[in-house]
Protein backbone atom coordinates (compact mmCIF):
# COMPACT_ATOMS: atom_id res chain seq x y z
CA MET A 1 85.57 187.31 -124.42
CA ALA A 2 86.65 184.61 -127.02
CA PRO A 3 85.23 181.25 -126.44
CA SER A 4 88.78 179.93 -125.66
CA THR A 5 89.33 182.44 -123.04
CA LEU A 6 86.04 181.51 -121.42
CA GLY A 7 86.89 178.16 -121.06
CA THR A 8 90.03 178.81 -119.87
CA PHE A 9 88.39 181.03 -117.14
CA LEU A 10 85.98 178.54 -116.00
CA ARG A 11 88.31 175.57 -115.84
CA ALA A 12 90.24 177.34 -113.15
CA PHE A 13 87.11 176.88 -110.96
CA THR A 14 86.86 174.52 -108.56
CA PHE A 15 83.79 173.37 -106.09
CA GLY A 16 85.41 175.75 -103.33
CA HIS A 17 85.93 178.53 -106.11
CA VAL A 18 81.81 178.09 -106.75
CA ARG A 19 80.93 178.32 -103.31
CA GLN A 20 82.81 182.09 -103.25
CA LEU A 21 80.94 182.78 -106.25
CA ASP A 22 78.08 182.20 -104.65
CA HIS A 23 78.85 184.47 -101.93
CA VAL A 24 79.16 187.11 -104.44
CA LEU A 25 75.48 186.02 -105.42
CA ASP A 26 74.67 186.45 -102.17
CA GLU A 27 76.32 189.65 -101.22
CA SER A 28 75.02 191.29 -104.46
CA LEU A 29 71.76 190.18 -103.57
CA ARG A 30 72.18 192.70 -99.85
CA ARG A 31 73.91 195.76 -101.93
CA ALA A 32 70.90 195.60 -104.32
CA TRP A 33 67.93 195.18 -101.73
CA GLU A 34 69.74 197.57 -99.44
CA ALA A 35 69.78 199.97 -102.49
CA GLY A 36 66.22 199.98 -102.58
CA ALA A 37 65.19 196.66 -104.56
CA GLY A 38 64.48 194.30 -101.52
CA PRO A 39 61.27 193.69 -99.79
CA GLY A 40 62.46 195.32 -96.63
CA ASP A 41 59.62 194.54 -93.81
CA GLN A 42 56.91 193.45 -96.59
CA ARG A 43 56.07 189.82 -97.10
CA LEU A 44 58.79 188.00 -99.13
CA VAL A 45 57.38 185.28 -101.86
CA ILE A 46 59.73 182.86 -102.63
CA ASP A 47 59.33 180.20 -105.48
CA ILE A 48 61.67 176.97 -105.65
CA ASP A 49 61.73 175.00 -108.60
CA SER A 50 64.17 172.79 -110.50
CA PHE A 51 64.82 172.64 -114.38
CA VAL A 52 67.07 170.59 -116.79
CA GLY A 53 69.50 172.37 -118.67
CA GLU A 54 70.10 170.62 -121.80
CA VAL A 55 73.31 169.49 -123.36
CA HIS A 56 74.70 167.91 -126.32
CA GLY A 57 77.94 165.57 -126.74
CA TYR A 58 79.17 162.92 -124.64
CA GLN A 59 82.14 165.17 -123.12
CA LYS A 60 79.77 166.71 -120.12
CA GLN A 61 81.30 166.31 -116.82
CA GLY A 62 78.18 165.25 -114.48
CA ALA A 63 75.49 165.52 -117.14
CA SER A 64 73.00 162.40 -117.44
CA TYR A 65 69.63 162.02 -118.64
CA GLY A 66 66.81 162.48 -116.01
CA TYR A 67 62.67 162.02 -115.57
CA THR A 68 62.81 164.32 -118.94
CA LYS A 69 64.97 162.03 -120.95
CA GLN A 70 67.09 164.59 -121.93
CA LEU A 71 71.06 164.97 -121.44
CA GLY A 72 71.67 167.72 -119.25
CA TYR A 73 72.30 168.90 -115.93
CA HIS A 74 69.59 169.57 -113.50
CA PRO A 75 69.40 172.66 -111.20
CA LEU A 76 68.00 174.02 -108.22
CA VAL A 77 66.79 177.64 -108.24
CA ALA A 78 64.92 180.07 -106.32
CA THR A 79 63.40 183.05 -107.40
CA ARG A 80 61.68 186.16 -105.86
CA GLY A 81 57.82 186.50 -106.73
CA GLY A 82 57.16 189.75 -108.21
CA SER A 83 60.35 190.65 -109.60
CA GLY A 84 61.72 187.51 -110.76
CA GLU A 85 65.29 187.96 -109.62
CA VAL A 86 67.38 184.59 -108.49
CA ILE A 87 68.01 184.83 -104.93
CA HIS A 88 69.46 181.35 -104.87
CA ILE A 89 70.68 178.61 -107.22
CA ARG A 90 72.63 175.06 -107.32
CA ASN A 91 74.10 173.09 -110.29
CA ARG A 92 73.24 169.61 -109.93
CA GLN A 93 74.29 165.90 -112.21
CA GLY A 94 71.29 165.20 -114.59
CA LYS A 95 70.50 162.06 -112.62
CA ALA A 96 69.87 164.16 -109.36
CA ASN A 97 66.93 163.38 -107.97
CA THR A 98 64.40 166.93 -107.67
CA GLN A 99 64.66 166.10 -103.34
CA ARG A 100 68.15 166.10 -103.74
CA GLY A 101 69.76 168.76 -101.71
CA ASN A 102 66.55 170.27 -101.12
CA PRO A 103 66.90 170.55 -96.90
CA ARG A 104 70.40 172.42 -96.98
CA PHE A 105 69.41 174.57 -100.00
CA VAL A 106 66.22 176.00 -97.85
CA ASP A 107 68.33 176.25 -95.15
CA GLU A 108 71.03 178.55 -97.23
CA LEU A 109 68.31 180.39 -98.74
CA LEU A 110 66.25 181.61 -95.63
CA ALA A 111 69.88 182.65 -94.25
CA ARG A 112 70.54 184.62 -97.13
CA VAL A 113 67.45 186.65 -97.39
CA ARG A 114 67.66 187.39 -93.90
CA ARG A 115 70.99 188.55 -94.30
CA ALA A 116 69.98 190.83 -97.11
CA GLY A 117 67.47 192.27 -94.94
CA ALA A 118 64.00 190.66 -95.36
CA THR A 119 62.52 191.10 -91.63
CA GLY A 120 58.95 190.37 -93.02
CA THR A 121 56.86 187.07 -93.36
CA ILE A 122 58.36 184.45 -95.97
CA LEU A 123 56.53 182.76 -97.87
CA ILE A 124 57.99 179.35 -100.06
CA ARG A 125 55.76 177.95 -102.90
CA ALA A 126 56.67 174.98 -104.61
CA ASP A 127 55.35 171.87 -106.58
CA THR A 128 55.25 168.03 -105.61
CA GLY A 129 58.49 167.40 -106.31
CA PHE A 130 59.85 169.53 -103.32
CA GLU A 131 57.28 167.44 -100.87
CA ASN A 132 58.98 166.68 -97.97
CA HIS A 133 56.91 166.42 -94.22
CA LYS A 134 60.50 167.13 -92.26
CA LEU A 135 60.77 170.18 -94.36
CA PHE A 136 57.42 171.15 -93.80
CA LYS A 137 58.11 170.72 -89.81
CA THR A 138 61.83 172.89 -90.27
CA LEU A 139 59.85 175.84 -91.98
CA ALA A 140 56.88 175.92 -89.64
CA ALA A 141 59.31 175.89 -86.94
CA ARG A 142 61.24 178.90 -88.20
CA GLY A 143 57.97 180.81 -88.73
CA VAL A 144 57.97 180.64 -92.58
CA GLU A 145 55.15 179.86 -94.31
CA PHE A 146 54.73 177.42 -96.97
CA SER A 147 52.67 176.34 -100.02
CA ILE A 148 53.79 172.87 -101.51
CA GLY A 149 52.41 170.49 -103.96
CA VAL A 150 51.46 166.94 -102.76
CA LYS A 151 51.72 163.80 -105.10
CA GLN A 152 48.19 162.15 -105.79
CA ARG A 153 48.80 159.09 -104.00
CA LYS A 154 46.51 156.83 -102.64
CA SER A 155 46.34 158.05 -99.35
CA ILE A 156 45.61 161.69 -100.70
CA ARG A 157 43.22 160.33 -102.89
CA ALA A 158 41.62 158.75 -100.02
CA LEU A 159 41.47 161.99 -97.65
CA ILE A 160 39.93 163.99 -101.17
CA ASP A 161 37.72 161.57 -101.63
CA LEU A 162 36.33 162.11 -97.75
CA ILE A 163 35.41 165.71 -98.58
CA ALA A 164 31.61 165.97 -98.32
CA GLU A 165 30.33 167.11 -102.05
CA GLU A 166 28.80 170.15 -100.52
CA ASP A 167 32.24 171.19 -99.50
CA TRP A 168 33.41 171.82 -102.67
CA VAL A 169 33.54 175.42 -103.62
CA THR A 170 33.41 176.56 -107.48
CA LEU A 171 35.72 179.15 -108.76
CA ALA A 172 34.18 181.97 -110.27
CA ASP A 173 37.10 183.38 -112.67
CA TYR A 174 37.89 179.69 -114.07
CA PRO A 175 38.02 180.17 -118.27
CA GLU A 176 34.79 179.08 -120.11
CA GLY A 177 35.01 175.49 -121.14
CA GLY A 178 35.97 174.55 -118.14
CA GLU A 179 34.74 173.97 -114.25
CA ALA A 180 37.18 174.14 -111.26
CA GLN A 181 36.13 173.64 -107.54
CA ILE A 182 38.43 173.80 -104.49
CA ALA A 183 38.03 172.19 -100.71
CA GLU A 184 40.21 171.56 -98.02
CA THR A 185 40.73 168.94 -95.69
CA LYS A 186 43.86 167.59 -93.00
CA LEU A 187 47.20 165.96 -93.66
CA HIS A 188 49.17 165.51 -90.34
CA GLY A 189 48.03 168.76 -88.80
CA TRP A 190 48.69 170.52 -92.30
CA ARG A 191 45.78 172.00 -94.18
CA LEU A 192 45.34 169.96 -97.55
CA VAL A 193 44.15 171.81 -100.41
CA ALA A 194 42.42 170.27 -102.78
CA ARG A 195 41.48 171.55 -106.41
CA ARG A 196 39.68 169.83 -109.45
CA THR A 197 38.94 170.48 -112.76
CA ARG A 198 37.30 169.18 -115.67
CA LEU A 199 35.80 170.34 -119.07
CA VAL A 200 32.34 171.05 -119.69
CA GLY A 201 30.38 171.60 -123.26
CA LYS A 202 31.61 170.61 -126.58
CA GLN A 203 34.93 169.57 -124.92
CA ALA A 204 33.31 167.47 -121.91
CA ASP A 205 33.85 163.98 -123.93
CA LEU A 206 37.59 164.49 -123.85
CA PHE A 207 38.17 165.15 -120.12
CA PRO A 208 34.56 163.89 -118.29
CA ASN A 209 36.00 162.56 -114.95
CA TRP A 210 37.73 165.41 -112.68
CA GLN A 211 41.38 166.00 -112.51
CA TYR A 212 42.78 166.03 -108.89
CA PHE A 213 45.34 168.57 -107.50
CA ALA A 214 46.51 169.19 -104.03
CA PHE A 215 49.08 171.09 -102.02
CA ALA A 216 49.66 171.40 -98.14
CA THR A 217 50.17 174.51 -96.05
CA ASN A 218 50.73 176.09 -92.95
CA ARG A 219 48.94 179.55 -93.70
CA THR A 220 45.95 180.59 -92.02
CA GLU A 221 44.18 182.78 -94.57
CA PRO A 222 40.82 181.66 -96.40
CA LEU A 223 40.79 179.39 -98.90
CA LEU A 224 40.21 181.00 -101.60
CA LEU A 225 43.32 183.16 -101.11
CA VAL A 226 45.28 180.69 -100.60
CA GLU A 227 44.54 178.37 -103.35
CA ALA A 228 44.96 181.49 -105.84
CA GLU A 229 48.28 182.42 -104.50
CA HIS A 230 49.59 179.04 -104.64
CA ARG A 231 48.97 178.92 -108.41
CA GLU A 232 50.97 181.87 -109.02
CA HIS A 233 53.94 179.85 -107.85
CA ALA A 234 53.89 179.33 -112.15
CA VAL A 235 55.61 182.71 -112.30
CA VAL A 236 59.02 180.90 -111.94
CA GLU A 237 58.66 179.59 -114.98
CA LEU A 238 59.21 182.93 -116.70
CA CYS A 239 62.70 183.19 -114.56
CA ILE A 240 63.59 179.66 -116.03
CA ARG A 241 62.79 181.16 -119.38
CA ASP A 242 64.70 184.34 -119.12
CA LEU A 243 67.49 182.19 -117.72
CA GLN A 244 67.51 179.72 -120.41
CA ASP A 245 67.01 182.94 -123.12
CA GLN A 246 70.43 184.12 -121.41
CA ALA A 247 73.43 182.53 -120.23
CA LEU A 248 71.62 179.07 -119.52
CA ALA A 249 71.00 178.40 -123.29
CA HIS A 250 73.94 176.76 -122.88
CA PHE A 251 76.99 174.90 -120.61
CA PRO A 252 80.05 175.66 -122.52
CA SER A 253 82.50 173.34 -120.69
CA GLY A 254 83.22 170.14 -120.34
CA GLN A 255 83.68 169.98 -116.66
CA PHE A 256 81.08 169.75 -113.73
CA ALA A 257 82.46 172.68 -111.87
CA ALA A 258 83.17 175.09 -114.62
CA ASN A 259 79.30 174.73 -115.56
CA SER A 260 78.21 175.18 -111.94
CA ALA A 261 80.55 178.30 -111.99
CA TRP A 262 78.75 179.35 -114.96
CA THR A 263 75.31 178.58 -113.69
CA VAL A 264 76.12 180.95 -110.99
CA ILE A 265 77.43 183.65 -113.42
CA ALA A 266 74.30 183.48 -115.22
CA ALA A 267 72.53 184.17 -111.99
CA LEU A 268 74.33 187.47 -111.32
CA ALA A 269 74.13 188.73 -115.23
CA HIS A 270 70.20 188.18 -114.80
CA ASN A 271 69.95 189.71 -111.44
CA LEU A 272 71.81 192.80 -112.53
CA GLY A 273 69.38 193.20 -115.55
CA ARG A 274 66.15 193.01 -113.53
CA TRP A 275 68.05 195.12 -110.80
CA THR A 276 68.42 197.73 -113.34
CA SER A 277 64.88 198.04 -114.43
CA GLN A 278 63.44 197.16 -110.83
CA ILE A 279 65.94 200.32 -109.49
CA GLY A 280 66.28 202.64 -112.44
CA LEU A 281 62.33 202.29 -113.69
CA PRO A 282 60.34 201.24 -110.65
CA HIS A 283 56.94 202.07 -111.86
CA ASP A 284 57.23 199.79 -114.91
CA SER A 285 55.94 196.33 -115.15
CA ILE A 286 58.55 193.26 -115.63
CA ARG A 287 60.19 193.10 -118.51
CA THR A 288 61.43 189.86 -120.08
CA ALA A 289 65.00 189.68 -120.66
CA ALA A 290 64.83 189.62 -124.57
CA THR A 291 63.02 193.36 -124.49
CA ARG A 292 65.34 194.48 -121.78
CA ARG A 293 68.26 193.71 -123.90
CA SER A 294 66.85 195.43 -126.91
CA ARG A 295 65.72 198.12 -125.23
CA LEU A 296 67.96 199.26 -122.78
CA PHE A 297 71.45 197.28 -123.53
CA ARG A 298 71.31 196.99 -127.49
CA ILE A 299 71.02 200.52 -128.04
CA PRO A 300 73.15 201.35 -131.55
CA GLY A 301 75.68 204.34 -130.94
CA ARG A 302 78.99 205.49 -132.27
CA LEU A 303 82.26 206.26 -130.53
CA THR A 304 83.72 209.68 -132.20
CA ARG A 305 86.56 211.49 -130.84
CA THR A 306 87.05 215.53 -131.33
CA ALA A 307 89.42 218.06 -130.05
CA ARG A 308 91.05 215.36 -128.17
CA GLN A 309 87.84 214.49 -126.68
CA TRP A 310 85.31 211.28 -126.72
CA THR A 311 81.91 211.28 -127.44
CA LEU A 312 79.16 208.44 -127.70
CA ARG A 313 76.98 209.91 -130.07
CA MET A 314 73.40 207.79 -129.64
CA PRO A 315 70.22 207.54 -132.02
CA ALA A 316 68.37 210.70 -132.32
CA ARG A 317 64.83 208.96 -132.17
CA TRP A 318 65.40 206.18 -129.76
CA PRO A 319 62.12 204.92 -129.00
CA TRP A 320 62.91 204.09 -125.61
CA GLN A 321 65.03 207.10 -124.90
CA GLN A 322 63.41 208.50 -122.22
CA ASP A 323 63.06 204.84 -120.34
CA PHE A 324 67.07 204.54 -120.50
CA ASP A 325 67.93 208.12 -119.28
CA ASP A 326 65.33 207.65 -116.37
CA ALA A 327 67.25 204.38 -115.41
CA LEU A 328 70.22 205.88 -115.87
CA THR A 329 69.57 208.99 -113.94
CA ARG A 330 68.06 207.07 -111.11
CA ILE A 331 70.88 204.31 -111.14
CA ARG A 332 73.73 207.05 -111.20
CA SER A 333 71.85 208.92 -107.98
CA LEU A 334 72.40 205.77 -105.82
CA PRO A 335 74.82 206.48 -103.14
CA ALA A 336 78.46 204.83 -103.15
CA LEU A 337 79.29 201.99 -101.55
CA ALA A 338 80.93 202.41 -98.23
């Protein structure tokens, strides 16, 4: 699609059209999960985060400077842990606080995954920007597990300081040259899990004191498991990286509604690529968007016409030919939608 054609197409979107497009994302998720990509009755882990989509120029409606001091937008995104697909996404103005719109976003998110067929336990992970005690109570009341970071304000540090020294557990899997310990206490009835790290050995003089991090959770599993799985929240950055390596490398229009539509379209395109690998190559590891493009989507070929019949000629020695054939065979075998 030519840039001028794309711009005309996007500028036709209003806020209401963006919400309709969001319904397309909702329905595509339901159909993909129904085709075999969903969690079914297994546990569903959802990572929520926000990121800054940098833009350039002064004609970008809604773009402004946020906490990163970069001109851009500040979208919310929810991804599925383990697969990297985007479950929900919402564009916001660049100056929007991380907390803005979170309760409604989470409410829509939970309704979406239930409609899509997720019947098992749901775990939501997020960093300190999403700390909201009303949200904690809402999630607990709906039977949703959460693991959300807590800011290091004075009251939290005071609670951590009350933890006895013998209650700190040293992590055995921490890299050499450093030391990490974890412990827990209570915060308004929730488990407050604290983690502290420091350097040891030759580099110890750089950070001789303990650096503290904490998160609140309603999970009841052992401390080591809860803390280790919370750290895995960092995988959401890999999904954001893939989005920004694809359509969200830029926001093409000067109108906010158009760029909001572009954000949802970017999530749809990202998911289609993920589902191609997830359904077509179920036993393969998760690939980055760049790898998937080079191995499955950018195969050189040539259309030839002989005896009034078109033929697509593919390279005979393509290194990932078997992957392409397997994925195509599995996707073609899916039952047709009613």
